[in-house]
Protein backbone atom coordinates (compact mmCIF):
# COMPACT_ATOMS: atom_id res chain seq x y z
CA MET A 1 0.05 -0.24 -0.03
CA SER A 2 1.62 3.33 -1.23
CA ILE A 3 1.10 6.44 0.64
CA LYS A 4 -0.82 7.97 -1.95
CA ASN A 5 -3.17 5.34 -2.15
CA LEU A 6 -3.60 5.90 1.70
CA PHE A 7 -3.92 9.62 0.83
CA LEU A 8 -7.05 8.55 -1.46
CA ILE A 9 -8.75 6.20 0.63
CA VAL A 10 -8.71 8.59 3.68
CA PHE A 11 -10.09 11.47 1.73
CA THR A 12 -12.62 9.65 0.52
CA SER A 13 -14.29 7.62 2.74
CA ALA A 14 -13.49 10.98 4.95
CA GLY A 15 -15.66 12.62 2.74
CA ILE A 16 -18.57 10.60 3.01
CA ALA A 17 -18.24 10.24 6.26
CA SER A 18 -18.72 14.01 6.58
CA ILE A 19 -21.70 14.21 4.31
CA ALA A 20 -23.34 11.94 6.48
CA CYS A 21 -23.07 13.59 9.36
CA ILE A 22 -23.89 16.55 7.80
CA VAL A 23 -26.72 15.30 6.33
CA TYR A 24 -27.74 12.89 9.41
CA ASP A 25 -27.42 16.23 11.42
CA MET A 26 -29.95 18.79 9.48
CA LEU A 27 -32.36 15.57 9.14
CA TYR A 28 -32.34 15.19 13.27
CA SER A 29 -32.37 18.74 13.87
CA GLN A 30 -35.35 19.05 11.47
CA ALA A 31 -37.43 16.56 12.78
CA PHE A 32 -37.08 16.93 16.35
CA TYR A 33 -37.14 20.70 16.30
CA VAL A 34 -33.73 20.39 18.02
CA ASP A 35 -30.47 22.35 17.48
CA PHE A 36 -27.11 20.74 18.38
CA SER A 37 -25.14 23.75 16.84
CA THR A 38 -23.40 25.21 19.36
CA VAL A 39 -22.00 21.38 20.80
CA LEU A 40 -21.21 19.76 17.63
CA THR A 41 -20.15 22.10 14.88
CA THR A 42 -19.34 21.08 11.66
CA GLY A 43 -16.18 22.27 12.14
CA ALA A 44 -15.50 19.80 14.75
CA THR A 45 -18.01 17.26 12.55
CA LEU A 46 -14.84 17.14 9.52
CA ILE A 47 -12.34 17.08 11.97
CA GLY A 48 -13.38 13.91 13.58
CA CYS A 49 -14.06 12.37 9.85
CA PHE A 50 -10.96 12.85 9.53
CA LEU A 51 -9.02 11.94 11.92
CA GLY A 52 -10.90 8.67 12.65
CA CYS A 53 -10.43 7.33 9.03
CA SER A 54 -6.67 8.97 9.11
CA LEU A 55 -6.22 6.33 12.26
CA MET A 56 -7.88 3.87 10.09
CA ALA A 57 -5.96 4.52 6.93
CA THR A 58 -2.39 4.40 9.56
CA ALA A 59 -4.17 1.23 11.30
CA TYR A 60 -4.31 -0.59 7.89
CA TYR A 61 -1.13 0.86 6.22
CA LEU A 62 1.14 -0.48 9.65
CA GLY A 63 -0.80 -3.93 10.22
CA ILE A 64 0.04 -4.98 6.78
CA LYS A 65 3.53 -3.29 6.80
CA TRP A 66 3.95 -5.40 9.70
CA LYS A 67 2.41 -8.71 9.14
CA GLY A 68 0.83 -8.27 5.99
CA GLU A 69 -2.60 -9.42 4.36
CA LYS A 70 -3.26 -11.24 7.28
CA THR A 71 -3.94 -8.69 9.62
CA ILE A 72 -7.07 -7.02 7.67
CA LEU A 73 -9.49 -8.88 9.57
CA TRP A 74 -8.30 -7.99 13.03
CA ILE A 75 -7.61 -4.58 11.93
CA ASN A 76 -11.48 -4.56 10.97
CA LEU A 77 -12.67 -5.94 14.48
CA LEU A 78 -10.32 -3.07 16.07
CA ILE A 79 -12.29 -0.30 14.07
CA ILE A 80 -15.26 -2.27 15.17
CA ILE A 81 -14.95 -2.46 19.20
CA LEU A 82 -13.59 1.39 19.13
CA SER A 83 -16.34 2.14 17.20
CA PHE A 84 -18.80 1.24 20.33
CA VAL A 85 -15.92 2.41 22.78
CA SER A 86 -16.25 5.79 21.61
CA ILE A 87 -20.06 6.26 22.36
CA ILE A 88 -19.80 5.78 25.84
CA GLY A 89 -17.67 9.24 26.05
CA ILE A 90 -21.34 10.90 24.65
CA LEU A 91 -23.38 9.18 27.27
CA GLY A 92 -21.51 11.29 30.26
CA PHE A 93 -21.11 14.35 28.01
CA GLN A 94 -23.02 16.82 30.64
CA LEU A 95 -24.55 19.76 27.95
CA PRO A 96 -24.64 23.26 28.47
CA PHE A 97 -27.89 24.41 30.48
CA GLU A 98 -29.06 26.47 28.47
CA ILE A 99 -29.26 23.60 25.96
CA GLU A 100 -32.78 22.44 25.27
CA SER A 101 -34.06 18.68 25.22
CA PRO A 102 -30.74 17.64 25.90
CA GLU A 103 -31.91 13.95 26.04
CA LEU A 104 -32.15 13.90 22.56
CA PHE A 105 -28.82 14.81 22.13
CA PRO A 106 -27.39 10.71 22.78
CA GLY A 107 -29.49 10.44 19.10
CA LEU A 108 -27.87 13.24 17.00
CA ALA A 109 -24.21 11.92 18.44
CA ILE A 110 -24.02 8.28 18.38
CA PRO A 111 -24.74 7.14 15.19
CA MET A 112 -22.52 9.77 14.17
CA HIS A 113 -19.34 7.42 15.68
CA PHE A 114 -20.34 5.14 13.75
CA PHE A 115 -20.47 6.45 10.09
CA PRO A 116 -16.46 7.12 9.70
CA ALA A 117 -15.62 3.72 10.34
CA LEU A 118 -18.81 2.62 8.15
CA SER A 119 -17.29 4.58 5.46
CA PHE A 120 -13.56 3.57 6.17
CA LEU A 121 -14.85 0.04 5.63
CA ALA A 122 -16.76 0.63 2.56
CA VAL A 123 -14.20 2.45 1.07
CA VAL A 124 -10.97 0.49 1.93
CA ASN A 125 -12.29 -3.10 1.30
CA PRO A 126 -12.81 -2.89 -2.74
CA MET A 127 -9.95 -0.77 -2.56
CA MET A 128 -7.61 -3.43 -1.12
CA LYS A 129 -7.91 -5.90 -3.95
CA VAL A 130 -6.03 -3.22 -5.59
CA VAL A 131 -4.08 -1.75 -3.29
CA VAL A 132 -2.36 -4.70 -1.76
CA LYS A 133 -0.26 -6.37 -5.20
């Protein structure tokens, strides 16, 4: 796997995840008449998607360099487990008192934690057939 392919995977999967997060945020806000834009900004969402996809791509790169294609399954499992673990922070997150309907915040933020992993795995697996050779 070359660095060029790594960047292609990161930007493609981060772009897909970012679009999914922004669309989900808009739909959720309109459906439930809530505004969490002071807590969960678009910039933070974009940075989170890019960082998450970058970490996943780095794990793939290092795993393949270290042990070859045998590590792909284990890296995929690690990505899934860490995506589930990442929602623990949301469950304990304290919103400012001026936010209306704070009980609806986990319904917005938790699914967004799975979008980077979902888009990364959707992009990387088809590309691995071309890239790993």
